[in-house]
């Protein structure tokens, strides 16, 4: 459920929906008046402060971004660890426009694993391993005022152990984790309290194992729960369930059958859930060789499967923005979806079409390290941006630990500089020119123009992907004269950025 912000809907061309995607990735339209990128966001890394350890969770309230995790310090962009650090114990807030930190600096005694903001943007609730906040008892759950940054003194539900997932709808705070009791009342791994007072609600799905993700349908009529459980209220519901927001009773969700049941060789757990409009998106991480790590989309009212992607490499974070679903993972094999094969490297940041699940035109990247060795672990968006948290130390090859930021600022990544074309002349009054495509980090479809001197002689639209070999185009120029020396160069454009390669000359036979 999107909270307190209007989701940006971008006008992009997408291929018609299919239940199970296959074939080539989605190619967004190239336009001379476009922003310079093909999805909702540019792949250009924007300035943001860093953390000294993993960011596990992110949430947005208006122009404030909240980050929680294992970190105890934050530092300026570009600074190495230990340089110019400020204390932030497991929780921090940043200006969503500038990436700079806010004064908000509560003192927690344990890690933060989940954050949610209220629909009216007034409150932020955090969950995790902590048992005190600013010296006051707060057992794994705490609330702050967005306006003042102060801890809400009279709001203190007591949860027995870690809170890993949070969502807020109306006057209810839904949360999941690894606990067995709330306010000394039995609640197995998932529960709800009131937003206004923190009083325990009768809502009780009773999951038999850990809950990692929770979200509400935008209508408020469904709650989606994901994790490593096998049962909800004693019924078989493996890893994913759709339940009543008032009673917690499970509802029929056919899409859940797309997640394979556990076996000695494969246990796939839901790691993130995101809803937008009439759809709910669910991401998984599997343990075992070739175990399901993909993403599925379902109808948020009926629970019916709309599409499923099957990339390998655990998907830890997803965020829907307009017609695009951004994905944080350690994807290394998307060949089942018509994408890159194993051996092409690890693609930690990707985008898929929300309509059919096919890979789209957005290819920034991070590295991986820390405690999970996955890379991105959490996403948040105000509608025109994407904040990325995780255990990485670099974004797009530049030093940037724990936290990254992308926006829809016009321009986007530039295409790579095209090489000088290969030219020859073996026939009188003709020259042959060939050139290879280049890669653009946030476009697939590019326009290539061939110039003879200053005269444009031809142009082509070509698709290129970071994981495939360049496409070679050959052109015969019959408008040249024998004995003349002519030069050619290639110009490539993504609709806004233009790159021109070096010239190559040939004497016409």
Protein backbone atom coordinates (compact mmCIF):
# COMPACT_ATOMS: atom_id res chain seq x y z
CA UNK A 1 0.00 0.00 0.00
CA UNK A 2 1.37 3.41 -0.91
CA UNK A 3 1.35 5.81 2.03
CA UNK A 4 1.15 9.60 2.09
CA UNK A 5 2.44 10.17 -1.43
CA UNK A 6 1.07 10.16 -4.94
CA UNK A 7 2.65 7.47 -7.06
CA UNK A 8 4.08 8.82 -10.28
CA UNK A 9 2.60 7.11 -13.33
CA UNK A 10 4.87 7.34 -16.33
CA UNK A 11 3.76 7.20 -19.92
CA UNK A 12 5.79 4.38 -21.39
CA UNK A 13 5.23 1.78 -24.05
CA UNK A 14 4.95 -1.80 -22.82
CA UNK A 15 4.22 -5.09 -24.48
CA UNK A 16 0.78 -6.62 -23.98
CA UNK A 17 0.28 -8.68 -20.83
CA UNK A 18 0.98 -12.40 -20.69
CA UNK A 19 0.37 -14.81 -17.83
CA UNK A 20 3.83 -16.34 -17.85
CA UNK A 21 6.36 -14.02 -19.52
CA UNK A 22 8.82 -15.27 -22.08
CA UNK A 23 10.85 -13.80 -24.92
CA UNK A 24 12.75 -10.54 -25.08
CA UNK A 25 12.62 -7.91 -22.32
CA UNK A 26 10.30 -4.93 -22.50
CA UNK A 27 11.58 -2.12 -24.72
CA UNK A 28 10.35 1.31 -23.73
CA UNK A 29 9.69 3.87 -26.42
CA UNK A 30 12.44 6.29 -27.43
CA UNK A 31 11.25 9.86 -27.85
CA UNK A 32 13.15 12.99 -28.85
CA UNK A 33 11.27 14.87 -26.12
CA UNK A 34 11.58 12.12 -23.51
CA UNK A 35 13.43 12.24 -20.21
CA UNK A 36 16.40 10.25 -21.53
CA UNK A 37 15.45 6.98 -19.83
CA UNK A 38 12.98 4.23 -20.60
CA UNK A 39 11.36 3.38 -17.25
CA UNK A 40 10.07 5.58 -14.43
CA UNK A 41 13.56 6.35 -13.11
CA UNK A 42 17.02 7.23 -14.30
CA UNK A 43 19.90 4.85 -13.59
CA UNK A 44 22.09 7.80 -12.57
CA UNK A 45 23.09 7.61 -8.90
CA UNK A 46 22.04 10.71 -6.97
CA UNK A 47 23.81 12.08 -3.92
CA UNK A 48 22.89 10.50 -0.60
CA UNK A 49 24.63 10.02 2.71
CA UNK A 50 26.05 6.62 3.59
CA UNK A 51 25.91 4.24 6.55
CA UNK A 52 28.66 2.19 8.18
CA UNK A 53 26.69 -1.08 8.00
CA UNK A 54 23.63 -2.61 6.40
CA UNK A 55 20.33 -0.78 5.87
CA UNK A 56 17.57 -3.36 6.37
CA UNK A 57 14.44 -1.26 5.88
CA UNK A 58 13.24 2.06 4.43
CA UNK A 59 10.03 4.09 4.51
CA UNK A 60 8.87 7.50 3.26
CA UNK A 61 6.68 10.13 4.91
CA UNK A 62 6.32 13.25 2.76
CA UNK A 63 9.81 14.58 2.13
CA UNK A 64 11.44 12.42 4.82
CA UNK A 65 13.05 9.03 4.29
CA UNK A 66 13.54 6.77 7.30
CA UNK A 67 16.28 4.14 7.28
CA UNK A 68 16.80 1.36 9.80
CA UNK A 69 19.36 -1.39 10.02
CA UNK A 70 22.59 -2.54 11.61
CA UNK A 71 24.44 0.76 11.23
CA UNK A 72 25.62 3.00 14.06
CA UNK A 73 27.16 5.83 12.01
CA UNK A 74 26.33 7.84 8.87
CA UNK A 75 28.72 9.83 6.66
CA UNK A 76 28.79 12.13 3.66
CA UNK A 77 28.70 10.94 0.04
CA UNK A 78 32.11 9.91 -1.31
CA UNK A 79 33.72 9.62 2.13
CA UNK A 80 35.49 6.43 3.13
CA UNK A 81 34.48 4.56 6.28
CA UNK A 82 35.51 6.41 9.43
CA UNK A 83 35.68 9.84 7.76
CA UNK A 84 33.42 12.60 9.08
CA UNK A 85 30.89 10.27 10.66
CA UNK A 86 27.85 11.21 12.73
CA UNK A 87 26.24 8.92 15.29
CA UNK A 88 22.95 7.27 14.33
CA UNK A 89 22.20 4.11 16.30
CA UNK A 90 20.25 1.80 14.00
CA UNK A 91 17.80 4.50 12.85
CA UNK A 92 18.17 7.69 10.79
CA UNK A 93 16.15 10.12 8.68
CA UNK A 94 17.09 11.91 5.47
CA UNK A 95 15.73 14.69 3.30
CA UNK A 96 14.16 12.94 0.30
CA UNK A 97 15.06 15.78 -2.07
CA UNK A 98 18.69 16.35 -1.12
CA UNK A 99 19.75 13.05 0.46
CA UNK A 100 21.08 14.91 3.50
CA UNK A 101 20.45 13.70 7.07
CA UNK A 102 17.93 15.25 9.42
CA UNK A 103 18.48 15.91 13.11
CA UNK A 104 16.34 12.88 14.01
CA UNK A 105 18.69 10.69 16.07
CA UNK A 106 16.97 8.48 18.65
CA UNK A 107 19.14 6.07 20.62
CA UNK A 108 18.12 2.44 20.22
CA UNK A 109 19.89 -0.51 21.82
CA UNK A 110 19.32 -2.95 18.96
CA UNK A 111 18.93 -3.28 15.22
CA UNK A 112 15.92 -2.04 13.25
CA UNK A 113 14.36 -4.47 10.75
CA UNK A 114 11.10 -2.79 9.75
CA UNK A 115 9.62 0.70 9.34
CA UNK A 116 6.16 1.90 8.28
CA UNK A 117 4.63 5.36 8.05
CA UNK A 118 0.95 6.18 8.61
CA UNK A 119 -1.24 7.07 5.62
CA UNK A 120 -1.64 10.63 6.92
CA UNK A 121 2.15 11.03 7.16
CA UNK A 122 2.05 11.95 10.86
CA UNK A 123 3.56 8.84 12.46
CA UNK A 124 6.43 6.46 11.86
CA UNK A 125 6.54 3.04 13.52
CA UNK A 126 9.75 1.00 13.74
CA UNK A 127 10.33 -2.62 14.67
CA UNK A 128 13.39 -4.72 15.35
CA UNK A 129 15.63 -6.21 18.00
CA UNK A 130 15.73 -3.20 20.36
CA UNK A 131 14.27 -3.15 23.86
CA UNK A 132 14.95 0.49 24.74
CA UNK A 133 14.62 3.81 22.89
CA UNK A 134 16.16 6.91 24.42
CA UNK A 135 16.47 4.98 27.67
CA UNK A 136 12.77 4.08 27.80
CA UNK A 137 11.48 0.52 27.53
CA UNK A 138 10.27 -0.26 24.02
CA UNK A 139 10.10 -3.99 23.37
CA UNK A 140 10.75 -4.40 19.65
CA UNK A 141 8.17 -1.78 18.57
CA UNK A 142 8.16 2.03 18.86
CA UNK A 143 6.37 5.03 17.40
CA UNK A 144 7.69 8.53 16.61
CA UNK A 145 6.07 11.78 15.54
CA UNK A 146 7.12 12.72 12.01
CA UNK A 147 6.68 16.43 12.79
CA UNK A 148 8.79 16.54 15.96
CA UNK A 149 10.90 13.38 15.77
CA UNK A 150 9.96 12.61 19.36
CA UNK A 151 9.14 9.18 20.72
CA UNK A 152 5.41 8.77 21.42
CA UNK A 153 5.53 8.21 25.16
CA UNK A 154 2.16 6.52 25.71
CA UNK A 155 2.51 4.05 22.84
CA UNK A 156 4.39 0.94 23.92
CA UNK A 157 3.14 -2.51 22.88
CA UNK A 158 5.42 -5.21 24.29
CA UNK A 159 6.49 -7.77 21.68
CA UNK A 160 8.42 -10.84 22.81
CA UNK A 161 11.03 -10.87 20.03
CA UNK A 162 12.08 -9.41 16.67
CA UNK A 163 9.60 -7.44 14.51
CA UNK A 164 10.64 -7.87 10.86
CA UNK A 165 7.65 -6.48 8.94
CA UNK A 166 5.26 -3.56 9.37
CA UNK A 167 2.27 -2.05 7.57
CA UNK A 168 -0.27 0.56 8.64
CA UNK A 169 -3.88 0.78 7.45
CA UNK A 170 -6.52 3.01 9.01
CA UNK A 171 -6.11 2.79 12.78
CA UNK A 172 -4.34 -0.58 12.67
CA UNK A 173 -0.64 -1.35 12.78
CA UNK A 174 0.01 -4.83 11.36
CA UNK A 175 3.35 -6.45 12.11
CA UNK A 176 5.16 -9.74 11.73
CA UNK A 177 8.39 -11.32 12.84
CA UNK A 178 9.72 -14.08 15.09
CA UNK A 179 7.68 -13.68 18.27
CA UNK A 180 5.18 -15.72 20.25
CA UNK A 181 3.54 -13.13 22.47
CA UNK A 182 2.38 -9.49 22.38
CA UNK A 183 1.44 -7.75 25.63
CA UNK A 184 1.77 -11.15 27.32
CA UNK A 185 -0.93 -12.57 25.03
CA UNK A 186 -0.26 -15.38 22.56
CA UNK A 187 0.34 -14.08 19.05
CA UNK A 188 2.42 -16.31 16.82
CA UNK A 189 4.69 -14.33 14.48
CA UNK A 190 2.02 -11.84 13.34
CA UNK A 191 -0.26 -9.42 15.18
CA UNK A 192 -1.89 -5.99 15.13
CA UNK A 193 -2.30 -3.07 17.51
CA UNK A 194 -4.15 0.23 17.24
CA UNK A 195 -2.28 3.18 15.79
CA UNK A 196 -3.87 5.58 18.25
CA UNK A 197 -3.17 3.75 21.54
CA UNK A 198 -1.03 0.69 20.80
CA UNK A 199 -3.67 -1.62 22.27
CA UNK A 200 -3.56 -5.21 21.06
CA UNK A 201 -6.25 -6.08 18.51
CA UNK A 202 -8.01 -9.46 18.19
CA UNK A 203 -6.58 -9.86 14.66
CA UNK A 204 -4.70 -13.17 14.78
CA UNK A 205 -3.61 -15.02 11.61
CA UNK A 206 -1.49 -17.31 13.82
CA UNK A 207 1.45 -18.07 11.50
CA UNK A 208 3.44 -21.16 12.46
CA UNK A 209 6.82 -19.67 11.49
CA UNK A 210 8.61 -16.40 10.78
CA UNK A 211 6.92 -13.52 8.90
CA UNK A 212 9.22 -11.32 6.79
CA UNK A 213 6.78 -9.18 4.80
CA UNK A 214 3.34 -7.65 5.25
CA UNK A 215 1.31 -5.14 3.24
CA UNK A 216 -2.28 -4.05 2.69
CA UNK A 217 -4.21 -3.84 -0.55
CA UNK A 218 -4.77 -0.23 -1.54
CA UNK A 219 -8.48 -0.86 -0.95
CA UNK A 220 -7.72 -1.85 2.65
CA UNK A 221 -9.80 -5.02 2.23
CA UNK A 222 -6.92 -7.51 2.16
CA UNK A 223 -3.75 -8.03 4.17
CA UNK A 224 -0.93 -9.97 2.53
CA UNK A 225 1.55 -11.88 4.68
CA UNK A 226 4.78 -13.50 3.53
CA UNK A 227 7.55 -15.46 5.17
CA UNK A 228 8.72 -18.96 5.94
CA UNK A 229 5.52 -20.31 7.46
CA UNK A 230 3.51 -23.37 6.41
CA UNK A 231 0.21 -22.65 8.15
CA UNK A 232 -2.13 -19.74 8.87
CA UNK A 233 -4.78 -20.40 11.56
CA UNK A 234 -4.02 -24.09 11.24
CA UNK A 235 -4.66 -24.20 7.46
CA UNK A 236 -2.00 -24.97 4.84
CA UNK A 237 -0.64 -21.69 3.46
CA UNK A 238 2.98 -21.95 2.46
CA UNK A 239 5.08 -18.73 2.40
CA UNK A 240 2.22 -16.46 1.25
CA UNK A 241 -1.29 -15.77 2.51
CA UNK A 242 -4.11 -13.29 1.93
CA UNK A 243 -6.14 -12.64 5.08
CA UNK A 244 -9.00 -10.55 6.41
CA UNK A 245 -7.89 -7.16 7.81
CA UNK A 246 -10.34 -7.51 10.71
CA UNK A 247 -10.13 -11.16 11.79
CA UNK A 248 -6.93 -12.44 10.22
CA UNK A 249 -8.82 -15.38 8.70
CA UNK A 250 -7.13 -16.67 5.53
CA UNK A 251 -8.77 -16.13 2.16
CA UNK A 252 -8.32 -18.12 -1.02
CA UNK A 253 -5.28 -16.89 -2.98
CA UNK A 254 -4.66 -19.03 -6.08
CA UNK A 255 -1.41 -17.18 -6.88
CA UNK A 256 0.22 -18.64 -3.77
CA UNK A 257 0.33 -22.01 -5.54
CA UNK A 258 2.97 -20.55 -7.87
CA UNK A 259 5.47 -20.78 -4.99
CA UNK A 260 6.78 -24.34 -4.81
CA UNK A 261 6.03 -26.28 -1.67
CA UNK A 262 9.09 -27.02 0.49
CA UNK A 263 11.24 -30.05 -0.25
CA UNK A 264 14.66 -31.23 0.92
CA UNK A 265 16.15 -29.45 -2.12
CA UNK A 266 14.15 -26.21 -2.09
CA UNK A 267 12.61 -23.93 0.49
CA UNK A 268 11.43 -20.62 -0.97
CA UNK A 269 10.39 -17.83 1.41
CA UNK A 270 8.58 -14.58 0.67
CA UNK A 271 10.91 -11.64 1.42
CA UNK A 272 8.91 -8.60 0.28
CA UNK A 273 5.36 -7.61 -0.69
CA UNK A 274 4.27 -4.41 -2.41
CA UNK A 275 0.81 -3.36 -3.58
CA UNK A 276 -0.20 -0.80 -6.18
CA UNK A 277 -3.74 -0.23 -7.42
CA UNK A 278 -5.42 -3.54 -8.15
CA UNK A 279 -2.22 -5.62 -7.97
CA UNK A 280 -0.02 -7.16 -5.33
CA UNK A 281 3.61 -8.09 -6.06
CA UNK A 282 5.49 -10.75 -4.11
CA UNK A 283 9.22 -11.57 -4.13
CA UNK A 284 10.95 -14.72 -2.96
CA UNK A 285 14.33 -16.07 -1.91
CA UNK A 286 14.99 -19.77 -2.20
CA UNK A 287 17.48 -21.98 -0.41
CA UNK A 288 18.82 -24.71 -2.65
CA UNK A 289 20.27 -24.90 -6.14
CA UNK A 290 17.80 -23.54 -8.68
CA UNK A 291 15.15 -22.93 -6.01
CA UNK A 292 12.49 -20.32 -6.76
CA UNK A 293 13.81 -16.76 -6.28
CA UNK A 294 11.35 -14.94 -8.50
CA UNK A 295 8.53 -12.42 -8.42
CA UNK A 296 4.82 -12.91 -8.97
CA UNK A 297 1.94 -10.52 -9.52
CA UNK A 298 -1.61 -11.25 -8.41
CA UNK A 299 -4.98 -9.55 -8.44
CA UNK A 300 -5.25 -7.88 -5.04
CA UNK A 301 -8.96 -8.65 -4.72
CA UNK A 302 -9.23 -12.21 -6.05
CA UNK A 303 -5.68 -13.43 -5.42
CA UNK A 304 -5.45 -14.82 -8.96
CA UNK A 305 -2.04 -15.07 -10.59
CA UNK A 306 -1.38 -12.45 -13.27
CA UNK A 307 2.22 -13.28 -14.12
CA UNK A 308 5.35 -14.81 -12.65
CA UNK A 309 9.03 -14.22 -13.39
CA UNK A 310 11.61 -16.87 -12.58
CA UNK A 311 15.03 -15.26 -12.36
CA UNK A 312 17.47 -17.08 -10.09
CA UNK A 313 19.13 -15.09 -7.31
CA UNK A 314 17.18 -14.17 -4.16
CA UNK A 315 14.82 -11.19 -4.58
CA UNK A 316 14.96 -9.24 -1.33
CA UNK A 317 13.18 -5.98 -2.24
CA UNK A 318 10.56 -4.77 -4.71
CA UNK A 319 8.82 -1.44 -5.31
CA UNK A 320 6.13 -0.64 -7.87
CA UNK A 321 6.21 2.80 -9.50
CA UNK A 322 3.73 3.36 -12.31
CA UNK A 323 4.10 0.59 -14.89
CA UNK A 324 7.41 -0.63 -13.47
CA UNK A 325 8.41 -2.95 -10.65
CA UNK A 326 11.93 -2.26 -9.35
CA UNK A 327 13.77 -5.26 -8.01
CA UNK A 328 16.71 -5.65 -5.60
CA UNK A 329 18.32 -9.08 -5.70
CA UNK A 330 21.43 -11.00 -6.60
CA UNK A 331 19.95 -12.16 -9.91
CA UNK A 332 22.44 -14.18 -11.92
CA UNK A 333 20.23 -16.15 -14.32
CA UNK A 334 17.07 -14.79 -15.99
CA UNK A 335 17.23 -17.08 -19.01
CA UNK A 336 13.86 -18.60 -18.13
CA UNK A 337 12.34 -15.16 -18.73
CA UNK A 338 14.23 -14.48 -21.96
CA UNK A 339 16.93 -12.48 -20.18
CA UNK A 340 20.57 -12.99 -19.27
CA UNK A 341 22.08 -16.42 -18.77
CA UNK A 342 24.10 -17.63 -15.83
CA UNK A 343 27.69 -16.42 -16.11
CA UNK A 344 26.85 -12.86 -17.19
CA UNK A 345 27.51 -11.52 -13.70
CA UNK A 346 25.22 -10.51 -10.85
CA UNK A 347 22.55 -7.92 -11.58
CA UNK A 348 21.61 -6.48 -8.20
CA UNK A 349 19.22 -3.84 -9.54
CA UNK A 350 16.65 -4.55 -12.26
CA UNK A 351 13.20 -3.45 -13.37
CA UNK A 352 10.27 -5.52 -14.61
CA UNK A 353 7.04 -4.51 -16.31
CA UNK A 354 4.14 -4.53 -13.85
CA UNK A 355 1.95 -5.63 -16.76
CA UNK A 356 3.77 -8.82 -17.74
CA UNK A 357 6.89 -9.22 -15.61
CA UNK A 358 9.38 -8.90 -18.45
CA UNK A 359 12.73 -7.24 -17.83
CA UNK A 360 12.84 -3.55 -18.66
CA UNK A 361 15.33 -0.77 -19.41
CA UNK A 362 17.05 -0.01 -16.08
CA UNK A 363 20.48 -1.43 -15.25
CA UNK A 364 22.35 0.36 -12.47
CA UNK A 365 24.15 -1.94 -10.05
CA UNK A 366 25.62 -2.36 -6.60
CA UNK A 367 28.11 -4.77 -5.14
CA UNK A 368 27.38 -7.07 -2.18
CA UNK A 369 28.98 -7.82 1.16
CA UNK A 370 28.21 -7.44 4.84
CA UNK A 371 26.16 -10.04 6.67
CA UNK A 372 23.99 -11.24 3.78
CA UNK A 373 26.25 -10.96 0.73
CA UNK A 374 23.11 -10.12 -1.28
CA UNK A 375 23.39 -6.38 -1.97
CA UNK A 376 20.06 -4.48 -1.92
CA UNK A 377 17.72 -5.43 0.94
CA UNK A 378 15.11 -2.65 1.06
CA UNK A 379 13.35 -0.12 -1.19
CA UNK A 380 11.23 2.96 -0.57
CA UNK A 381 9.78 5.58 -2.89
CA UNK A 382 7.98 8.89 -2.76
CA UNK A 383 6.67 8.25 -6.28
CA UNK A 384 9.40 9.94 -8.32
CA UNK A 385 12.43 8.34 -6.73
CA UNK A 386 13.80 5.08 -5.36
CA UNK A 387 15.83 4.77 -2.19
CA UNK A 388 17.87 1.59 -1.97
CA UNK A 389 19.18 0.13 1.27
CA UNK A 390 21.37 -2.92 1.75
CA UNK A 391 24.75 -4.38 2.57
CA UNK A 392 26.59 -2.96 -0.44
CA UNK A 393 29.60 -0.63 -0.43
CA UNK A 394 29.38 0.67 -4.03
CA UNK A 395 26.66 1.92 -6.35
CA UNK A 396 27.41 2.15 -10.08
CA UNK A 397 31.05 1.50 -9.23
CA UNK A 398 31.38 4.51 -6.89
CA UNK A 399 31.88 4.38 -3.13
CA UNK A 400 28.41 4.42 -1.53
CA UNK A 401 27.82 2.20 1.49
CA UNK A 402 24.45 1.03 2.73
CA UNK A 403 22.22 3.60 1.06
CA UNK A 404 21.60 4.78 -2.50
CA UNK A 405 19.16 7.04 -4.32
CA UNK A 406 17.75 7.25 -7.85
CA UNK A 407 15.27 9.82 -9.21
CA UNK A 408 13.33 10.75 -12.34
CA UNK A 409 15.48 13.84 -12.98
CA UNK A 410 15.64 14.33 -16.74
CA UNK A 411 18.82 13.29 -18.51
CA UNK A 412 19.41 9.75 -17.46
CA UNK A 413 22.53 7.74 -18.13
CA UNK A 414 24.38 8.47 -21.34
CA UNK A 415 24.87 5.75 -23.93
CA UNK A 416 28.38 4.35 -24.09
CA UNK A 417 30.62 6.09 -26.61
CA UNK A 418 30.38 4.24 -29.93
CA UNK A 419 33.60 2.97 -31.44
CA UNK A 420 34.87 4.22 -34.78
CA UNK A 421 33.07 2.29 -37.52
CA UNK A 422 34.84 -0.28 -39.65
CA UNK A 423 35.08 0.99 -43.23
CA UNK A 424 36.22 -0.53 -46.50
CA UNK A 425 35.83 -0.12 -50.26
CA UNK A 426 36.14 -3.11 -52.59
CA UNK A 427 33.70 -2.00 -55.30
CA UNK A 428 33.99 1.13 -57.43
CA UNK A 429 31.94 4.09 -56.23
CA UNK A 430 30.90 2.29 -53.06
CA UNK A 431 32.01 2.20 -49.43
CA UNK A 432 30.98 -0.33 -46.80
CA UNK A 433 30.52 0.76 -43.20
CA UNK A 434 29.77 -1.41 -40.17
CA UNK A 435 29.27 -0.51 -36.52
CA UNK A 436 28.35 -2.22 -33.24
CA UNK A 437 25.65 -1.25 -30.77
CA UNK A 438 26.48 0.14 -27.35
CA UNK A 439 24.83 -0.15 -23.93
CA UNK A 440 22.80 2.48 -22.08
CA UNK A 441 22.12 1.86 -18.36
CA UNK A 442 18.51 3.06 -18.52
CA UNK A 443 17.50 2.47 -22.14
CA UNK A 444 17.31 -0.58 -24.36
CA UNK A 445 16.20 1.06 -27.61
CA UNK A 446 18.67 3.59 -29.07
CA UNK A 447 18.88 5.57 -32.32
CA UNK A 448 22.09 5.24 -34.35
CA UNK A 449 22.98 7.72 -37.09
CA UNK A 450 25.75 7.35 -39.66
CA UNK A 451 27.49 10.51 -40.84
CA UNK A 452 29.72 10.90 -43.90
CA UNK A 453 31.64 13.99 -42.94
CA UNK A 454 28.86 16.29 -41.73
CA UNK A 455 26.12 14.65 -43.80
CA UNK A 456 23.78 12.14 -42.19
CA UNK A 457 23.38 9.28 -44.62
CA UNK A 458 21.32 6.77 -42.62
CA UNK A 459 19.80 6.02 -39.22
CA UNK A 460 18.55 2.93 -37.39
CA UNK A 461 16.79 1.99 -34.18
CA UNK A 462 18.61 -0.88 -32.49
CA UNK A 463 18.03 -2.74 -29.22
CA UNK A 464 20.95 -3.68 -27.02
CA UNK A 465 21.17 -5.32 -23.62
CA UNK A 466 23.98 -5.25 -21.06
CA UNK A 467 24.13 -9.05 -21.04
CA UNK A 468 24.27 -9.71 -24.80
CA UNK A 469 26.90 -9.29 -27.48
CA UNK A 470 26.72 -6.06 -29.52
CA UNK A 471 24.56 -6.12 -32.64
CA UNK A 472 26.53 -5.28 -35.80
CA UNK A 473 24.91 -3.27 -38.59
CA UNK A 474 26.45 -3.00 -42.07
CA UNK A 475 25.63 -0.29 -44.60
CA UNK A 476 26.76 0.23 -48.20
CA UNK A 477 27.15 3.85 -49.25
CA UNK A 478 26.66 4.12 -53.02
CA UNK A 479 26.83 7.92 -53.12
CA UNK A 480 30.61 8.25 -53.14
CA UNK A 481 33.08 8.59 -56.02
CA UNK A 482 36.17 6.57 -56.87
CA UNK A 483 39.44 8.10 -55.78
CA UNK A 484 37.89 10.20 -53.04
CA UNK A 485 38.76 9.72 -49.35
CA UNK A 486 35.70 9.85 -47.16
CA UNK A 487 35.27 9.57 -43.39
CA UNK A 488 32.42 8.12 -41.35
CA UNK A 489 31.35 8.37 -37.72
CA UNK A 490 28.51 6.97 -35.63
CA UNK A 491 26.23 9.03 -33.42
CA UNK A 492 23.97 7.37 -30.84
CA UNK A 493 21.03 8.94 -28.98
CA UNK A 494 18.66 7.81 -26.23
CA UNK A 495 16.21 10.60 -27.05
CA UNK A 496 18.03 13.22 -24.99
CA UNK A 497 21.71 12.33 -24.63
CA UNK A 498 23.84 12.19 -27.79
CA UNK A 499 27.28 10.57 -28.08
CA UNK A 500 29.46 10.78 -31.19
CA UNK A 501 32.28 8.35 -31.83
CA UNK A 502 35.60 8.81 -33.60
CA UNK A 503 35.73 8.97 -37.41
CA UNK A 504 37.24 6.35 -39.69
CA UNK A 505 38.34 7.11 -43.25
CA UNK A 506 38.61 5.07 -46.44
CA UNK A 507 39.73 5.79 -50.00
CA UNK A 508 36.94 4.81 -52.39
CA UNK A 509 38.01 2.31 -55.01
